[in-house]
Amino acid sequence: QVQLVESGGGLVQAGDSLRLSCAVSGRTFSRYRMGWFRQAPGKEREFVAAINWSGSTTYYADSVKGRFTISSDNAKNTVYLQMNSLKPEDTAAYYCAATVFIDYERVRTMKSYHDWGQGTQVTVSS
């Protein structure tokens, strides 16, 4: 089990950038793959991006590809989500999560993740 704490959310305008952080702690957390999901009001939680701790493998949802970048800092035990060119449709609560799976099909599936953070709100105004 790992503990996850997100931060960095806020209110921004369309076109702005924001960087989310996920501080990770717990036993053998380096074994896990880390993912970001988001959930807008009235909608299901959806996959955004995922990474392994070495940073050698990343996955993105088509809706954020080219605008969002996921990265990891092993020294700080932190995973980041750099969000550029934000759109109003990016408005959601963003969650960090951990999974033991490595294949794309399971990494992008919410139920594959066993530990979740509390979430951080991102609101993009038009």
Foldseek 3Di string as FASTA:
>chain_A
DKAKAKDWADEEAAQAKTKMKIAIDDPPLLLWKKFKWWDDPPGDIFGAKIAHQVRPDMDGDPVQPPFWDWHHDPVRNMIMIIGGRDDQVVWTWMKMFIANDDDPVLRGDPVRTDDIYPTDTHGYHD
